[in-house]
Amino acid sequence: MRGNQARYRQGRPRKGRGGGTNHPPSFEPTIVVHRKVRFQATAAKSADQLTAASFLDMLCTTPTAVSGTQIGVFVRIRSIEMWAPMPESLVPTSCYLEWNGLTPGMFGKSVRVSDTSMGANSVAHFKTSPPAGTQLAGWIGSGTQLIALMSYPINTVIDVTLDLVLRDDGTAVAVTGAVAGATVGATYTRALNSPVDNNLVPRSISTI
């Protein structure tokens, strides 16, 4: 009898947790990549602006030698870390990053993080993440809204850690700023502040 019951159970459609017949499970097909990119300042800047385009333009592909399109459609900033070297005179130097809280809809006040170098062995250094509870801490889509302001001396090193949702809807959104001399179909990393300036240059990776 038990053998017949076992064979009967094996022949019946199995029920899912919700009581219905099993079917191929649903899943999220969206491709999300995690990336850390290092930049170096080729010139000092005061109140340098980072916008949503700064992060969405960062990774691009080139359909032609003179045009680039964004790879990502949404970005989530995990952290920004900065090392600002002292000058040869050993005069203390400072750097800062201020998360924007002025734009309506950011749901939070501005938050500034800064540090100052001391002596020959202690560079100015900090690591910061978007304030919890603000829109800056979530997924950011296309737009020109101000994300942060930065001030730094020449040769400052900046690490940006982020998550990027890859564009998979067949659309092409052009990056801001000029593109020249690109290899068709290649993937490049652009300067962090490429929509305005190009002095925060990616290190150890191909750039245009």
Protein backbone atom coordinates (compact mmCIF):
# COMPACT_ATOMS: atom_id res chain seq x y z
CA MET A 1 0.00 0.00 0.00
CA ARG A 2 2.78 2.37 0.91
CA GLY A 3 4.47 1.66 -2.41
CA ASN A 4 1.31 2.52 -4.32
CA GLN A 5 0.95 5.77 -2.35
CA ALA A 6 4.55 6.69 -3.11
CA ARG A 7 4.06 6.04 -6.83
CA TYR A 8 0.84 8.09 -6.74
CA ARG A 9 2.61 11.00 -5.07
CA GLN A 10 5.42 10.88 -7.63
CA GLY A 11 2.91 11.11 -10.49
CA ARG A 12 0.98 14.07 -9.07
CA PRO A 13 1.97 17.67 -9.94
CA ARG A 14 3.78 19.14 -6.98
CA LYS A 15 2.25 22.15 -5.33
CA GLY A 16 4.13 25.35 -4.69
CA ARG A 17 4.17 27.16 -1.38
CA GLY A 18 1.14 29.18 -2.41
CA GLY A 19 -0.88 26.04 -3.13
CA GLY A 20 -0.71 26.32 -6.93
CA THR A 21 1.05 24.08 -9.40
CA ASN A 22 4.78 24.71 -9.72
CA HIS A 23 6.03 26.69 -12.72
CA PRO A 24 9.33 28.29 -13.68
CA PRO A 25 10.14 30.66 -10.80
CA SER A 26 10.11 34.39 -11.33
CA PHE A 27 13.36 36.30 -10.95
CA GLU A 28 14.76 39.78 -11.56
CA PRO A 29 16.61 39.80 -14.91
CA THR A 30 18.06 43.26 -14.39
CA ILE A 31 21.87 43.25 -14.54
CA VAL A 32 23.52 45.15 -11.68
CA VAL A 33 27.30 45.52 -11.47
CA HIS A 34 29.42 46.63 -8.53
CA ARG A 35 32.41 48.81 -9.40
CA LYS A 36 35.20 50.78 -7.74
CA VAL A 37 36.98 53.36 -9.88
CA ARG A 38 40.06 55.42 -8.96
CA PHE A 39 40.62 58.96 -10.18
CA GLN A 40 43.48 61.43 -9.82
CA ALA A 41 43.18 65.21 -9.93
CA THR A 42 45.40 66.80 -12.58
CA ALA A 43 44.44 70.25 -11.27
CA ALA A 44 43.12 71.69 -8.02
CA LYS A 45 39.43 72.61 -7.82
CA SER A 46 37.25 74.50 -5.40
CA ALA A 47 33.52 73.66 -5.19
CA ASP A 48 33.79 71.16 -8.05
CA GLN A 49 30.30 69.89 -8.91
CA LEU A 50 29.28 66.24 -9.20
CA THR A 51 25.89 65.70 -10.79
CA ALA A 52 23.88 62.60 -11.66
CA ALA A 53 25.46 62.76 -15.12
CA SER A 54 28.93 62.58 -13.55
CA PHE A 55 28.21 59.03 -12.40
CA LEU A 56 26.00 57.87 -15.28
CA ASP A 57 28.50 59.13 -17.90
CA MET A 58 31.39 57.47 -16.06
CA LEU A 59 31.10 54.15 -17.91
CA CYS A 60 30.29 54.32 -21.60
CA THR A 61 30.57 52.52 -24.91
CA THR A 62 31.40 54.13 -28.23
CA PRO A 63 29.19 53.44 -31.29
CA THR A 64 31.44 55.75 -33.33
CA ALA A 65 34.89 57.26 -32.92
CA VAL A 66 33.40 60.60 -31.85
CA SER A 67 30.38 59.59 -29.74
CA GLY A 68 29.73 57.75 -26.50
CA THR A 69 26.62 56.31 -24.89
CA GLN A 70 25.91 55.50 -21.27
CA ILE A 71 26.11 51.86 -20.21
CA GLY A 72 24.04 52.38 -17.06
CA VAL A 73 20.53 53.67 -16.51
CA PHE A 74 20.55 53.92 -12.69
CA VAL A 75 23.42 54.35 -10.24
CA ARG A 76 23.68 53.95 -6.47
CA ILE A 77 26.69 55.59 -4.82
CA ARG A 78 28.16 53.41 -2.10
CA SER A 79 31.06 55.59 -0.99
CA ILE A 80 33.57 58.23 -2.03
CA GLU A 81 37.05 58.15 -0.49
CA MET A 82 39.62 60.91 -0.89
CA TRP A 83 43.36 61.29 -0.20
CA ALA A 84 44.77 64.80 -0.59
CA PRO A 85 48.58 65.06 -0.48
CA MET A 86 50.43 67.86 1.27
CA PRO A 87 52.60 70.24 -0.78
CA GLU A 88 56.39 70.06 -0.68
CA SER A 89 56.43 72.96 1.79
CA LEU A 90 54.48 70.73 4.23
CA VAL A 91 51.93 73.49 4.72
CA PRO A 92 48.67 71.80 5.81
CA THR A 93 46.21 71.28 2.98
CA SER A 94 42.53 70.42 3.16
CA CYS A 95 39.90 68.67 1.10
CA TYR A 96 36.16 68.26 1.51
CA LEU A 97 33.04 66.73 0.00
CA GLU A 98 29.58 68.13 0.68
CA TRP A 99 26.51 66.01 -0.06
CA ASN A 100 23.83 68.23 -1.54
CA GLY A 101 20.77 69.02 0.52
CA LEU A 102 19.71 72.20 -1.22
CA THR A 103 17.84 70.72 -4.19
CA PRO A 104 14.11 70.28 -3.45
CA GLY A 105 13.30 66.60 -3.02
CA MET A 106 16.65 65.55 -1.55
CA PHE A 107 14.92 65.06 1.84
CA GLY A 108 17.90 66.01 3.96
CA LYS A 109 20.29 68.75 4.93
CA SER A 110 23.70 69.25 3.36
CA VAL A 111 26.43 67.14 4.99
CA ARG A 112 30.08 68.16 4.63
CA VAL A 113 33.01 65.85 5.38
CA SER A 114 36.56 67.23 5.41
CA ASP A 115 40.11 66.56 6.58
CA THR A 116 43.45 68.36 6.73
CA SER A 117 46.98 67.01 6.21
CA MET A 118 49.63 67.37 8.90
CA GLY A 119 53.39 66.97 8.57
CA ALA A 120 55.10 64.71 6.03
CA ASN A 121 53.30 61.44 6.75
CA SER A 122 49.66 62.29 7.37
CA VAL A 123 47.71 63.13 4.23
CA ALA A 124 44.20 64.54 4.34
CA HIS A 125 41.90 61.53 4.08
CA PHE A 126 38.25 60.64 4.56
CA LYS A 127 35.65 58.15 3.35
CA THR A 128 32.00 59.12 3.16
CA SER A 129 28.67 57.71 1.96
CA PRO A 130 25.44 59.50 1.03
CA PRO A 131 23.44 60.40 4.16
CA ALA A 132 20.93 57.70 5.10
CA GLY A 133 17.32 58.64 4.50
CA THR A 134 18.06 60.97 1.58
CA GLN A 135 17.45 60.34 -2.10
CA LEU A 136 21.21 60.46 -2.62
CA ALA A 137 21.48 57.15 -0.75
CA GLY A 138 19.14 55.39 -3.21
CA TRP A 139 19.08 54.75 -6.94
CA ILE A 140 19.67 57.85 -9.05
CA GLY A 141 18.39 58.08 -12.61
CA SER A 142 19.25 60.43 -15.44
CA GLY A 143 19.23 64.09 -14.59
CA THR A 144 21.33 67.13 -13.89
CA GLN A 145 20.60 67.42 -10.17
CA LEU A 146 23.57 68.30 -8.00
CA ILE A 147 24.87 65.34 -5.99
CA ALA A 148 27.90 66.79 -4.21
CA LEU A 149 30.49 69.56 -4.12
CA MET A 150 34.20 68.82 -3.72
CA SER A 151 37.33 70.83 -3.02
CA TYR A 152 40.78 69.30 -3.41
CA PRO A 153 44.42 70.10 -4.33
CA ILE A 154 46.29 68.78 -7.37
CA ASN A 155 47.20 65.06 -7.30
CA THR A 156 44.34 64.19 -4.97
CA VAL A 157 43.27 60.54 -5.35
CA ILE A 158 39.55 59.76 -5.26
CA ASP A 159 37.96 56.29 -5.12
CA VAL A 160 34.30 55.98 -6.09
CA THR A 161 32.42 52.79 -5.22
CA LEU A 162 29.02 52.33 -6.83
CA ASP A 163 26.36 49.95 -8.13
CA LEU A 164 25.20 50.36 -11.71
CA VAL A 165 22.06 49.04 -13.40
CA LEU A 166 22.99 48.21 -16.98
CA ARG A 167 20.82 49.65 -19.73
CA ASP A 168 18.90 46.80 -21.38
CA ASP A 169 15.96 48.53 -23.06
CA GLY A 170 17.63 49.10 -26.42
CA THR A 171 17.86 52.88 -26.00
CA ALA A 172 21.03 54.93 -26.38
CA VAL A 173 21.70 57.98 -24.20
CA ALA A 174 24.69 60.07 -25.24
CA VAL A 175 27.27 61.09 -22.66
CA THR A 176 27.79 64.77 -21.97
CA GLY A 177 30.82 66.40 -23.53
CA ALA A 178 33.05 65.72 -26.49
CA VAL A 179 34.38 62.30 -27.49
CA ALA A 180 37.30 61.92 -29.89
CA GLY A 181 39.60 59.14 -31.10
CA ALA A 182 37.59 56.29 -29.60
CA THR A 183 37.71 52.69 -30.83
CA VAL A 184 34.27 51.78 -32.15
CA GLY A 185 32.47 49.37 -29.82
CA ALA A 186 34.96 49.75 -26.97
CA THR A 187 34.13 50.41 -23.32
CA TYR A 188 35.67 53.42 -21.61
CA THR A 189 35.71 55.18 -18.26
CA ARG A 190 35.35 58.95 -18.43
CA ALA A 191 36.63 61.64 -16.07
CA LEU A 192 34.51 61.84 -12.93
CA ASN A 193 33.63 65.48 -13.64
CA SER A 194 33.47 65.10 -17.43
CA PRO A 195 30.12 66.94 -17.81
CA VAL A 196 31.88 70.16 -16.67
CA ASP A 197 35.65 69.60 -16.48
CA ASN A 198 38.02 66.73 -17.20
CA ASN A 199 40.64 67.02 -14.49
CA LEU A 200 39.57 63.96 -12.43
CA VAL A 201 41.21 61.34 -14.64
CA PRO A 202 40.64 57.57 -14.26
CA ARG A 203 43.76 55.60 -13.37
CA SER A 204 44.93 52.29 -14.91
CA ILE A 205 41.93 51.94 -17.26
CA SER A 206 41.04 53.14 -20.78
CA THR A 207 39.53 56.61 -20.89
CA ILE A 208 38.30 59.13 -23.44
